[in-house]
C-alpha atoms as a PDB file:
ATOM      1  CA  MET A   1     111.812  40.474 -43.350  1.00  0.00           C
ATOM      2  CA  THR A   2     111.655  42.602 -45.536  1.00  0.00           C
ATOM      3  CA  ASN A   3     109.376  45.843 -46.920  1.00  0.00           C
ATOM      4  CA  THR A   4     106.846  44.601 -49.640  1.00  0.00           C
ATOM      5  CA  ASP A   5     106.219  48.284 -50.708  1.00  0.00           C
ATOM      6  CA  ASP A   6     106.210  48.746 -54.361  1.00  0.00           C
ATOM      7  CA  THR A   7     107.474  52.250 -54.234  1.00  0.00           C
ATOM      8  CA  GLY A   8     111.283  50.638 -52.669  1.00  0.00           C
ATOM      9  CA  ALA A   9     113.993  52.216 -53.682  1.00  0.00           C
ATOM     10  CA  ASP A  10     116.485  51.599 -55.659  1.00  0.00           C
ATOM     11  CA  SER A  11     119.008  49.329 -54.174  1.00  0.00           C
ATOM     12  CA  THR A  12     122.208  50.924 -56.259  1.00  0.00           C
ATOM     13  CA  SER A  13     121.660  54.468 -56.282  1.00  0.00           C
ATOM     14  CA  PHE A  14     119.544  57.524 -54.239  1.00  0.00           C
ATOM     15  CA  PRO A  15     118.824  60.501 -55.996  1.00  0.00           C
ATOM     16  CA  GLU A  16     121.278  63.702 -55.425  1.00  0.00           C
ATOM     17  CA  ASP A  17     117.810  65.177 -53.271  1.00  0.00           C
ATOM     18  CA  TYR A  18     117.044  61.579 -51.805  1.00  0.00           C
ATOM     19  CA  ARG A  19     115.835  62.840 -47.811  1.00  0.00           C
ATOM     20  CA  SER A  20     115.588  60.850 -44.755  1.00  0.00           C
ATOM     21  CA  GLY A  21     115.600  61.564 -41.167  1.00  0.00           C
ATOM     22  CA  TYR A  22     113.756  60.520 -37.791  1.00  0.00           C
ATOM     23  CA  VAL A  23     110.156  60.824 -36.882  1.00  0.00           C
ATOM     24  CA  ALA A  24     108.399  60.295 -33.701  1.00  0.00           C
ATOM     25  CA  ILE A  25     105.071  59.316 -33.373  1.00  0.00           C
ATOM     26  CA  ILE A  26     103.963  60.707 -29.818  1.00  0.00           C
ATOM     27  CA  GLY A  27     100.584  61.357 -28.010  1.00  0.00           C
ATOM     28  CA  ARG A  28      98.209  60.359 -25.191  1.00  0.00           C
ATOM     29  CA  PRO A  29      97.123  56.606 -24.857  1.00  0.00           C
ATOM     30  CA  ASN A  30      94.888  54.722 -27.014  1.00  0.00           C
ATOM     31  CA  VAL A  31      95.204  57.735 -30.053  1.00  0.00           C
ATOM     32  CA  GLY A  32      95.726  55.710 -32.502  1.00  0.00           C
ATOM     33  CA  LYS A  33      99.954  56.062 -32.962  1.00  0.00           C
ATOM     34  CA  SER A  34     100.571  52.245 -33.309  1.00  0.00           C
ATOM     35  CA  THR A  35      97.411  51.909 -36.067  1.00  0.00           C
ATOM     36  CA  LEU A  36      99.029  54.775 -38.152  1.00  0.00           C
ATOM     37  CA  LEU A  37     102.717  53.697 -38.135  1.00  0.00           C
ATOM     38  CA  ASN A  38     100.703  50.493 -39.160  1.00  0.00           C
ATOM     39  CA  ARG A  39      98.692  52.022 -42.140  1.00  0.00           C
ATOM     40  CA  ILE A  40     102.297  54.169 -43.308  1.00  0.00           C
ATOM     41  CA  LEU A  41     103.968  50.385 -43.513  1.00  0.00           C
ATOM     42  CA  GLY A  42     101.433  48.619 -44.567  1.00  0.00           C
ATOM     43  CA  PHE A  43     102.696  45.816 -42.503  1.00  0.00           C
ATOM     44  CA  HIS A  44     101.615  44.919 -38.929  1.00  0.00           C
ATOM     45  CA  LEU A  45     104.543  45.719 -37.032  1.00  0.00           C
ATOM     46  CA  SER A  46     103.277  47.449 -34.142  1.00  0.00           C
ATOM     47  CA  ILE A  47     100.278  45.689 -31.736  1.00  0.00           C
ATOM     48  CA  THR A  48      97.387  46.911 -31.375  1.00  0.00           C
ATOM     49  CA  SER A  49      94.309  46.782 -28.581  1.00  0.00           C
ATOM     50  CA  LYS A  50      91.361  48.891 -28.084  1.00  0.00           C
ATOM     51  CA  LYS A  51      92.832  49.034 -24.185  1.00  0.00           C
ATOM     52  CA  PRO A  52      95.254  51.868 -23.445  1.00  0.00           C
ATOM     53  CA  GLN A  53      99.070  51.428 -23.110  1.00  0.00           C
ATOM     54  CA  THR A  54      98.955  48.910 -25.407  1.00  0.00           C
ATOM     55  CA  THR A  55     102.291  50.169 -26.606  1.00  0.00           C
ATOM     56  CA  ARG A  56     104.967  49.679 -23.676  1.00  0.00           C
ATOM     57  CA  HIS A  57     108.715  50.383 -25.724  1.00  0.00           C
ATOM     58  CA  ARG A  58     109.997  52.203 -28.367  1.00  0.00           C
ATOM     59  CA  LEU A  59     109.362  51.158 -31.781  1.00  0.00           C
ATOM     60  CA  LEU A  60     111.304  51.905 -35.144  1.00  0.00           C
ATOM     61  CA  GLY A  61     109.290  51.177 -38.464  1.00  0.00           C
ATOM     62  CA  ILE A  62     111.162  51.885 -41.317  1.00  0.00           C
ATOM     63  CA  LYS A  63     109.958  53.314 -44.386  1.00  0.00           C
ATOM     64  CA  THR A  64     112.034  53.381 -47.463  1.00  0.00           C
ATOM     65  CA  THR A  65     110.768  54.903 -50.956  1.00  0.00           C
ATOM     66  CA  ARG A  66     112.090  55.893 -54.050  1.00  0.00           C
ATOM     67  CA  THR A  67     112.567  59.683 -52.681  1.00  0.00           C
ATOM     68  CA  ALA A  68     112.876  59.144 -49.081  1.00  0.00           C
ATOM     69  CA  GLN A  69     113.361  56.647 -45.789  1.00  0.00           C
ATOM     70  CA  ALA A  70     111.554  58.203 -43.204  1.00  0.00           C
ATOM     71  CA  VAL A  71     112.272  56.347 -39.447  1.00  0.00           C
ATOM     72  CA  TYR A  72     109.671  56.083 -37.490  1.00  0.00           C
ATOM     73  CA  ILE A  73     109.255  55.673 -33.883  1.00  0.00           C
ATOM     74  CA  ASP A  74     106.257  54.455 -32.320  1.00  0.00           C
ATOM     75  CA  THR A  75     106.268  55.467 -28.532  1.00  0.00           C
ATOM     76  CA  PRO A  76     104.227  54.572 -25.007  1.00  0.00           C
ATOM     77  CA  GLY A  77     101.276  57.249 -24.438  1.00  0.00           C
ATOM     78  CA  LEU A  78     102.346  60.170 -22.310  1.00  0.00           C
ATOM     79  CA  HIS A  79     100.437  59.979 -18.851  1.00  0.00           C
ATOM     80  CA  GLN A  80     100.965  61.955 -16.265  1.00  0.00           C
ATOM     81  CA  ASN A  81      98.847  60.505 -12.887  1.00  0.00           C
ATOM     82  CA  TYR A  82      99.816  56.630 -13.239  1.00  0.00           C
ATOM     83  CA  LYS A  83     102.100  55.169 -10.691  1.00  0.00           C
ATOM     84  CA  GLY A  84     104.811  52.316 -11.110  1.00  0.00           C
ATOM     85  CA  ALA A  85     108.208  51.531 -12.278  1.00  0.00           C
ATOM     86  CA  ILE A  86     106.761  50.459 -15.572  1.00  0.00           C
ATOM     87  CA  HIS A  87     104.698  53.714 -16.109  1.00  0.00           C
ATOM     88  CA  ARG A  88     107.924  55.133 -15.160  1.00  0.00           C
ATOM     89  CA  TYR A  89     109.833  53.712 -18.091  1.00  0.00           C
ATOM     90  CA  MET A  90     106.961  54.160 -20.601  1.00  0.00           C
ATOM     91  CA  ASN A  91     107.151  57.443 -20.191  1.00  0.00           C
ATOM     92  CA  ARG A  92     110.836  57.824 -20.288  1.00  0.00           C
ATOM     93  CA  GLU A  93     110.836  56.182 -23.653  1.00  0.00           C
ATOM     94  CA  ALA A  94     108.232  58.663 -24.828  1.00  0.00           C
ATOM     95  CA  LEU A  95     110.266  61.501 -23.550  1.00  0.00           C
ATOM     96  CA  THR A  96     113.718  60.148 -24.619  1.00  0.00           C
ATOM     97  CA  THR A  97     112.285  60.010 -28.349  1.00  0.00           C
ATOM     98  CA  LEU A  98     112.025  63.765 -28.652  1.00  0.00           C
ATOM     99  CA  GLN A  99     114.898  64.408 -27.921  1.00  0.00           C
ATOM    100  CA  ASP A 100     116.589  63.073 -31.352  1.00  0.00           C
ATOM    101  CA  VAL A 101     114.417  63.581 -34.053  1.00  0.00           C
ATOM    102  CA  ASP A 102     113.876  65.669 -37.285  1.00  0.00           C
ATOM    103  CA  VAL A 103     110.046  65.265 -37.071  1.00  0.00           C
ATOM    104  CA  ILE A 104     107.478  65.158 -34.375  1.00  0.00           C
ATOM    105  CA  VAL A 105     103.993  63.930 -35.649  1.00  0.00           C
ATOM    106  CA  PHE A 106     101.483  64.519 -32.440  1.00  0.00           C
ATOM    107  CA  VAL A 107      98.323  62.421 -32.689  1.00  0.00           C
ATOM    108  CA  VAL A 108      94.826  63.707 -30.902  1.00  0.00           C
ATOM    109  CA  ASP A 109      91.995  61.692 -30.803  1.00  0.00           C
ATOM    110  CA  GLY A 110      88.923  63.372 -33.024  1.00  0.00           C
ATOM    111  CA  LEU A 111      87.583  66.184 -31.333  1.00  0.00           C
ATOM    112  CA  ARG A 112      88.325  65.828 -27.834  1.00  0.00           C
ATOM    113  CA  LEU A 113      91.332  66.925 -26.013  1.00  0.00           C
ATOM    114  CA  THR A 114      92.455  65.813 -22.471  1.00  0.00           C
ATOM    115  CA  PRO A 115      94.347  66.724 -19.615  1.00  0.00           C
ATOM    116  CA  GLU A 116      97.399  64.734 -21.343  1.00  0.00           C
ATOM    117  CA  ASP A 117      96.636  66.292 -24.763  1.00  0.00           C
ATOM    118  CA  GLU A 118      97.754  69.520 -22.910  1.00  0.00           C
ATOM    119  CA  TYR A 119     100.800  68.247 -21.259  1.00  0.00           C
ATOM    120  CA  ALA A 120     101.758  67.242 -24.648  1.00  0.00           C
ATOM    121  CA  ILE A 121     101.370  70.702 -25.963  1.00  0.00           C
ATOM    122  CA  THR A 122     103.087  71.778 -23.039  1.00  0.00           C
ATOM    123  CA  LEU A 123     106.073  69.343 -24.024  1.00  0.00           C
ATOM    124  CA  LEU A 124     106.099  70.500 -27.639  1.00  0.00           C
ATOM    125  CA  GLU A 125     106.764  74.233 -26.852  1.00  0.00           C
ATOM    126  CA  LYS A 126     109.887  73.404 -25.789  1.00  0.00           C
ATOM    127  CA  CYS A 127     110.956  71.730 -28.756  1.00  0.00           C
ATOM    128  CA  ASP A 128     112.905  73.082 -31.898  1.00  0.00           C
ATOM    129  CA  GLN A 129     111.563  70.195 -34.150  1.00  0.00           C
ATOM    130  CA  PRO A 130     109.112  70.819 -37.035  1.00  0.00           C
ATOM    131  CA  VAL A 131     105.683  69.662 -35.069  1.00  0.00           C
ATOM    132  CA  ILE A 132     103.082  68.005 -37.505  1.00  0.00           C
ATOM    133  CA  LEU A 133      99.207  67.321 -35.897  1.00  0.00           C
ATOM    134  CA  VAL A 134      97.824  64.701 -36.643  1.00  0.00           C
ATOM    135  CA  VAL A 135      93.992  64.534 -35.741  1.00  0.00           C
ATOM    136  CA  ASN A 136      92.983  61.311 -35.992  1.00  0.00           C
ATOM    137  CA  LYS A 137      89.749  58.586 -35.962  1.00  0.00           C
ATOM    138  CA  THR A 138      88.352  61.806 -38.338  1.00  0.00           C
ATOM    139  CA  ASP A 139      85.831  58.448 -39.754  1.00  0.00           C
ATOM    140  CA  LYS A 140      83.969  58.969 -36.332  1.00  0.00           C
ATOM    141  CA  ILE A 141      83.138  62.211 -36.351  1.00  0.00           C
ATOM    142  CA  LYS A 142      79.316  62.537 -37.029  1.00  0.00           C
ATOM    143  CA  ASP A 143      79.006  65.606 -37.346  1.00  0.00           C
ATOM    144  CA  LYS A 144      82.052  66.666 -39.950  1.00  0.00           C
ATOM    145  CA  LYS A 145      81.055  71.113 -39.736  1.00  0.00           C
ATOM    146  CA  LEU A 146      82.349  70.684 -35.993  1.00  0.00           C
ATOM    147  CA  LEU A 147      85.737  69.559 -37.467  1.00  0.00           C
ATOM    148  CA  LEU A 148      86.807  73.162 -39.306  1.00  0.00           C
ATOM    149  CA  PRO A 149      86.184  74.926 -36.318  1.00  0.00           C
ATOM    150  CA  PHE A 150      88.073  72.093 -34.070  1.00  0.00           C
ATOM    151  CA  LEU A 151      91.262  72.434 -36.333  1.00  0.00           C
ATOM    152  CA  GLU A 152      91.147  76.258 -36.398  1.00  0.00           C
ATOM    153  CA  ASN A 153      90.810  76.515 -32.365  1.00  0.00           C
ATOM    154  CA  ILE A 154      93.941  73.533 -32.106  1.00  0.00           C
ATOM    155  CA  SER A 155      95.998  75.246 -34.511  1.00  0.00           C
ATOM    156  CA  GLN A 156      96.214  78.283 -32.086  1.00  0.00           C
ATOM    157  CA  ARG A 157      97.920  76.461 -29.005  1.00  0.00           C
ATOM    158  CA  LEU A 158     101.115  75.607 -30.915  1.00  0.00           C
ATOM    159  CA  ASN A 159     102.819  76.862 -34.276  1.00  0.00           C
ATOM    160  CA  PHE A 160     102.141  73.464 -36.212  1.00  0.00           C
ATOM    161  CA  ALA A 161     104.385  73.071 -39.322  1.00  0.00           C
ATOM    162  CA  GLN A 162     100.635  71.400 -40.755  1.00  0.00           C
ATOM    163  CA  VAL A 163      97.632  70.244 -39.240  1.00  0.00           C
ATOM    164  CA  LEU A 164      96.398  67.023 -41.008  1.00  0.00           C
ATOM    165  CA  PRO A 165      92.886  65.402 -40.439  1.00  0.00           C
ATOM    166  CA  VAL A 166      93.267  61.765 -40.378  1.00  0.00           C
ATOM    167  CA  SER A 167      91.491  58.313 -40.198  1.00  0.00           C
ATOM    168  CA  ALA A 168      94.799  55.870 -39.644  1.00  0.00           C
ATOM    169  CA  ALA A 169      92.252  53.039 -39.595  1.00  0.00           C
ATOM    170  CA  LYS A 170      90.767  54.058 -42.964  1.00  0.00           C
ATOM    171  CA  GLY A 171      93.972  55.237 -44.554  1.00  0.00           C
ATOM    172  CA  SER A 172      92.025  58.595 -45.097  1.00  0.00           C
ATOM    173  CA  ASN A 173      94.904  61.446 -45.487  1.00  0.00           C
ATOM    174  CA  VAL A 174      97.617  59.151 -44.741  1.00  0.00           C
ATOM    175  CA  LEU A 175      99.520  59.662 -48.255  1.00  0.00           C
ATOM    176  CA  GLU A 176      99.314  63.463 -47.011  1.00  0.00           C
ATOM    177  CA  LEU A 177     100.539  63.392 -43.977  1.00  0.00           C
ATOM    178  CA  GLU A 178     103.402  60.943 -45.567  1.00  0.00           C
ATOM    179  CA  LYS A 179     104.506  63.449 -47.970  1.00  0.00           C
ATOM    180  CA  ALA A 180     103.990  66.547 -45.219  1.00  0.00           C
ATOM    181  CA  ILE A 181     106.698  64.354 -43.161  1.00  0.00           C
ATOM    182  CA  GLU A 182     109.183  63.932 -46.272  1.00  0.00           C
ATOM    183  CA  ALA A 183     109.455  67.560 -46.578  1.00  0.00           C
ATOM    184  CA  HIS A 184     110.576  68.196 -43.707  1.00  0.00           C
ATOM    185  CA  LEU A 185     113.425  65.493 -43.473  1.00  0.00           C
ATOM    186  CA  HIS A 186     117.293  66.268 -44.503  1.00  0.00           C
ATOM    187  CA  ILE A 187     118.838  65.952 -47.846  1.00  0.00           C
ATOM    188  CA  SER A 188     120.944  62.506 -47.097  1.00  0.00           C
ATOM    189  CA  PRO A 189     121.022  59.113 -48.336  1.00  0.00           C
ATOM    190  CA  PRO A 190     119.114  56.421 -46.234  1.00  0.00           C
ATOM    191  CA  TYR A 191     120.116  55.253 -43.102  1.00  0.00           C
ATOM    192  CA  TYR A 192     118.895  51.416 -43.089  1.00  0.00           C
ATOM    193  CA  PRO A 193     119.316  48.944 -45.746  1.00  0.00           C
ATOM    194  CA  GLU A 194     116.267  49.459 -48.117  1.00  0.00           C
ATOM    195  CA  GLU A 195     114.617  46.226 -47.296  1.00  0.00           C
ATOM    196  CA  GLN A 196     115.320  46.481 -43.100  1.00  0.00           C
ATOM    197  CA  ILE A 197     111.749  47.808 -41.964  1.00  0.00           C
ATOM    198  CA  THR A 198     112.391  47.702 -38.225  1.00  0.00           C
ATOM    199  CA  ASP A 199     115.614  47.381 -35.110  1.00  0.00           C
ATOM    200  CA  LYS A 200     113.565  44.863 -33.468  1.00  0.00           C
ATOM    201  CA  SER A 201     114.081  41.229 -33.063  1.00  0.00           C
ATOM    202  CA  ASP A 202     111.930  38.228 -34.299  1.00  0.00           C
ATOM    203  CA  ARG A 203     111.783  37.263 -30.303  1.00  0.00           C
ATOM    204  CA  PHE A 204     110.891  40.354 -29.563  1.00  0.00           C
ATOM    205  CA  LEU A 205     107.962  40.395 -31.971  1.00  0.00           C
ATOM    206  CA  ALA A 206     107.083  36.757 -30.993  1.00  0.00           C
ATOM    207  CA  ALA A 207     106.281  38.360 -27.249  1.00  0.00           C
ATOM    208  CA  GLU A 208     104.799  41.216 -28.430  1.00  0.00           C
ATOM    209  CA  LEU A 209     102.248  39.383 -30.633  1.00  0.00           C
ATOM    210  CA  ILE A 210     101.089  37.302 -27.636  1.00  0.00           C
ATOM    211  CA  ARG A 211     101.143  40.262 -25.707  1.00  0.00           C
ATOM    212  CA  GLU A 212      98.751  41.840 -28.246  1.00  0.00           C
ATOM    213  CA  LYS A 213      96.450  38.805 -28.096  1.00  0.00           C
ATOM    214  CA  ILE A 214      96.036  38.805 -24.466  1.00  0.00           C
ATOM    215  CA  MET A 215      95.569  42.516 -24.508  1.00  0.00           C
ATOM    216  CA  ARG A 216      92.704  41.930 -27.033  1.00  0.00           C
ATOM    217  CA  LEU A 217      91.510  38.797 -25.518  1.00  0.00           C
ATOM    218  CA  LEU A 218      90.838  39.516 -21.446  1.00  0.00           C
ATOM    219  CA  GLY A 219      89.369  41.965 -19.465  1.00  0.00           C
ATOM    220  CA  GLN A 220      90.694  45.633 -18.382  1.00  0.00           C
ATOM    221  CA  GLU A 221      92.934  44.839 -15.436  1.00  0.00           C
ATOM    222  CA  VAL A 222      94.821  41.681 -16.347  1.00  0.00           C
ATOM    223  CA  PRO A 223      96.540  42.468 -19.174  1.00  0.00           C
ATOM    224  CA  TYR A 224      98.676  45.328 -17.684  1.00  0.00           C
ATOM    225  CA  ALA A 225      99.682  43.044 -15.096  1.00  0.00           C
ATOM    226  CA  THR A 226     101.347  40.655 -17.709  1.00  0.00           C
ATOM    227  CA  ALA A 227     104.469  40.170 -19.268  1.00  0.00           C
ATOM    228  CA  VAL A 228     105.622  38.107 -22.445  1.00  0.00           C
ATOM    229  CA  GLU A 229     109.609  36.694 -21.909  1.00  0.00           C
ATOM    230  CA  VAL A 230     110.553  34.224 -25.446  1.00  0.00           C
ATOM    231  CA  GLU A 231     112.650  31.718 -23.354  1.00  0.00           C
ATOM    232  CA  ALA A 232     113.553  30.072 -27.228  1.00  0.00           C
ATOM    233  CA  PHE A 233     113.233  31.322 -30.819  1.00  0.00           C
ATOM    234  CA  GLU A 234     114.798  27.996 -32.959  1.00  0.00           C
ATOM    235  CA  GLU A 235     114.208  28.268 -36.571  1.00  0.00           C
ATOM    236  CA  ASP A 236     114.903  26.126 -39.766  1.00  0.00           C
ATOM    237  CA  GLU A 237     113.499  26.220 -43.032  1.00  0.00           C
ATOM    238  CA  LYS A 238     110.245  25.098 -42.935  1.00  0.00           C
ATOM    239  CA  LEU A 239     109.313  25.612 -39.251  1.00  0.00           C
ATOM    240  CA  ILE A 240     110.113  28.181 -35.994  1.00  0.00           C
ATOM    241  CA  LYS A 241     109.756  26.761 -32.571  1.00  0.00           C
ATOM    242  CA  ILE A 242     109.232  29.443 -29.960  1.00  0.00           C
ATOM    243  CA  ALA A 243     108.853  28.644 -26.461  1.00  0.00           C
ATOM    244  CA  ALA A 244     108.151  31.810 -24.306  1.00  0.00           C
ATOM    245  CA  ILE A 245     106.491  32.882 -20.656  1.00  0.00           C
ATOM    246  CA  ILE A 246     103.462  34.796 -19.780  1.00  0.00           C
ATOM    247  CA  TRP A 247     104.412  36.516 -16.323  1.00  0.00           C
ATOM    248  CA  VAL A 248     101.767  37.796 -13.998  1.00  0.00           C
ATOM    249  CA  GLU A 249     101.522  39.535 -10.772  1.00  0.00           C
ATOM    250  CA  ARG A 250      99.358  36.981  -8.737  1.00  0.00           C
ATOM    251  CA  ASP A 251      97.827  33.893  -8.811  1.00  0.00           C
ATOM    252  CA  ASN A 252      94.278  34.725  -9.372  1.00  0.00           C
ATOM    253  CA  GLN A 253      95.685  36.366 -12.657  1.00  0.00           C
ATOM    254  CA  LYS A 254      97.794  33.069 -13.632  1.00  0.00           C
ATOM    255  CA  SER A 255      94.123  31.025 -13.154  1.00  0.00           C
ATOM    256  CA  ILE A 256      92.240  33.965 -15.478  1.00  0.00           C
ATOM    257  CA  ILE A 257      94.643  33.455 -18.437  1.00  0.00           C
ATOM    258  CA  ILE A 258      95.081  30.124 -18.050  1.00  0.00           C
ATOM    259  CA  GLY A 259      90.986  29.610 -18.292  1.00  0.00           C
ATOM    260  CA  HIS A 260      88.753  26.698 -17.886  1.00  0.00           C
ATOM    261  CA  LYS A 261      90.504  23.314 -18.594  1.00  0.00           C
ATOM    262  CA  GLY A 262      93.348  25.594 -20.313  1.00  0.00           C
ATOM    263  CA  GLN A 263      90.905  26.886 -23.100  1.00  0.00           C
ATOM    264  CA  GLN A 264      91.852  30.827 -22.650  1.00  0.00           C
ATOM    265  CA  LEU A 265      95.746  30.527 -23.070  1.00  0.00           C
ATOM    266  CA  LYS A 266      94.509  28.215 -26.180  1.00  0.00           C
ATOM    267  CA  GLU A 267      93.079  31.015 -27.582  1.00  0.00           C
ATOM    268  CA  ILE A 268      96.054  32.877 -27.008  1.00  0.00           C
ATOM    269  CA  GLY A 269      98.517  30.662 -28.202  1.00  0.00           C
ATOM    270  CA  LYS A 270      96.276  29.948 -31.645  1.00  0.00           C
ATOM    271  CA  GLN A 271      95.689  33.295 -32.431  1.00  0.00           C
ATOM    272  CA  ALA A 272      99.480  34.597 -31.598  1.00  0.00           C
ATOM    273  CA  ARG A 273     100.838  31.556 -33.623  1.00  0.00           C
ATOM    274  CA  LEU A 274      98.526  32.542 -36.356  1.00  0.00           C
ATOM    275  CA  SER A 275      99.328  36.088 -36.548  1.00  0.00           C
ATOM    276  CA  MET A 276     103.454  34.649 -36.408  1.00  0.00           C
ATOM    277  CA  GLU A 277     103.284  33.278 -39.368  1.00  0.00           C
ATOM    278  CA  GLY A 278     101.624  35.687 -40.782  1.00  0.00           C
ATOM    279  CA  LEU A 279     104.604  37.924 -40.187  1.00  0.00           C
ATOM    280  CA  TYR A 280     107.545  35.174 -40.484  1.00  0.00           C
ATOM    281  CA  ASN A 281     105.727  33.865 -43.875  1.00  0.00           C
ATOM    282  CA  LYS A 282     106.267  30.286 -42.216  1.00  0.00           C
ATOM    283  CA  LYS A 283     104.790  27.590 -39.765  1.00  0.00           C
ATOM    284  CA  VAL A 284     105.183  28.104 -36.100  1.00  0.00           C
ATOM    285  CA  PHE A 285     105.054  25.406 -33.341  1.00  0.00           C
ATOM    286  CA  LEU A 286     104.143  27.851 -29.910  1.00  0.00           C
ATOM    287  CA  LYS A 287     104.694  26.671 -26.550  1.00  0.00           C
ATOM    288  CA  LEU A 288     103.002  29.023 -23.427  1.00  0.00           C
ATOM    289  CA  TRP A 289     103.720  28.593 -19.845  1.00  0.00           C
ATOM    290  CA  VAL A 290     102.339  31.258 -17.426  1.00  0.00           C
ATOM    291  CA  LYS A 291     104.429  31.973 -14.315  1.00  0.00           C
ATOM    292  CA  VAL A 292     103.918  34.127 -10.687  1.00  0.00           C
ATOM    293  CA  LYS A 293     106.309  36.836 -10.482  1.00  0.00           C
ATOM    294  CA  ASP A 294     104.983  38.758  -7.606  1.00  0.00           C
ATOM    295  CA  GLY A 295     104.840  42.966  -8.037  1.00  0.00           C
ATOM    296  CA  TRP A 296     107.007  42.979 -11.198  1.00  0.00           C
ATOM    297  CA  SER A 297     106.006  45.904 -13.231  1.00  0.00           C
ATOM    298  CA  ASP A 298     107.036  48.177  -9.918  1.00  0.00           C
ATOM    299  CA  ASP A 299     109.882  46.515  -9.341  1.00  0.00           C
ATOM    300  CA  GLU A 300     113.098  47.587 -11.509  1.00  0.00           C
ATOM    301  CA  ARG A 301     115.131  44.925 -11.034  1.00  0.00           C
ATOM    302  CA  ALA A 302     112.338  42.498 -12.611  1.00  0.00           C
ATOM    303  CA  LEU A 303     111.477  45.038 -15.225  1.00  0.00           C
ATOM    304  CA  LYS A 304     115.646  44.748 -16.287  1.00  0.00           C
ATOM    305  CA  SER A 305     115.294  40.835 -16.698  1.00  0.00           C
ATOM    306  CA  LEU A 306     112.367  41.087 -18.895  1.00  0.00           C
ATOM    307  CA  GLY A 307     113.779  43.388 -20.968  1.00  0.00           C
ATOM    308  CA  TYR A 308     113.288  46.877 -19.780  1.00  0.00           C
ATOM    309  CA  PHE A 309     115.703  49.585 -19.251  1.00  0.00           C
ATOM    310  CA  ASP A 310     117.929  48.069 -21.222  1.00  0.00           C
ATOM    311  CA  GLU A 311     118.445  50.937 -23.951  1.00  0.00           C
ATOM    312  CA  TYR A 312     119.246  53.782 -21.242  1.00  0.00           C
ATOM    313  CA  GLY A 313     120.668  51.356 -18.485  1.00  0.00           C
ATOM    314  CA  ALA A 314     118.537  53.371 -15.972  1.00  0.00           C
END
């Protein structure tokens, strides 16, 4: 999998003032962090939906240009009041990211600050790294006259390195954001090969694409009770064969995902397969099953078996 950005770095040499570094993208759920990462990369890497807490894992997205390599870390949304092992895991993923990065991009949603935004600001007050504030979804602000007073007010909350109004969905001001980030990276050769765009495996990305379709196609509650486990991933020159299990917590959730005469599961599989074929640039044969694992989302042992907590052994 390669980064097709036409500004890709020369593979033989880098200028002496080349910059590299890690960039955390943080914020409360559903402010557009994953959409922003995808826009920067020019590639649908991080799954998105209109539902909050679509992102569950830290995900590296690597952008290499002729002047810099920025290693973006998309994090689960910071939240305070959710309970359960999976929510503890998601908060830990987000908070751990702040310790080891060079720049922090703090994303808020338009002109609205919530208690979870305030919680994030209290965490950022303890950070030494430069923090760039991104006011996202500005394309949805009807009265643009309200934007400047909001920017002036929020700028007083923290010593932000820069404050930028952005529309990740439309792409407005994203290049300006990238320039601001690059200015805070260290003089260093790139950390990763220029063709690498993520640290995640093809199996992980396949599981995430399946989960994205579940998030988009189903109602408010069922998607949060699902996890996806890829059991088989076999690839040859022309075809990838993937077999995956969709885990749910109760029998009625299994029935909802399967749908009448299997139609819902068939649609999930169809949309996931098409996205995978776009991702891998190859034909995909996808087989899905739905199984019940009672209470998996609040069972750390079950979460570990599904690939959660592995990075920290916690």
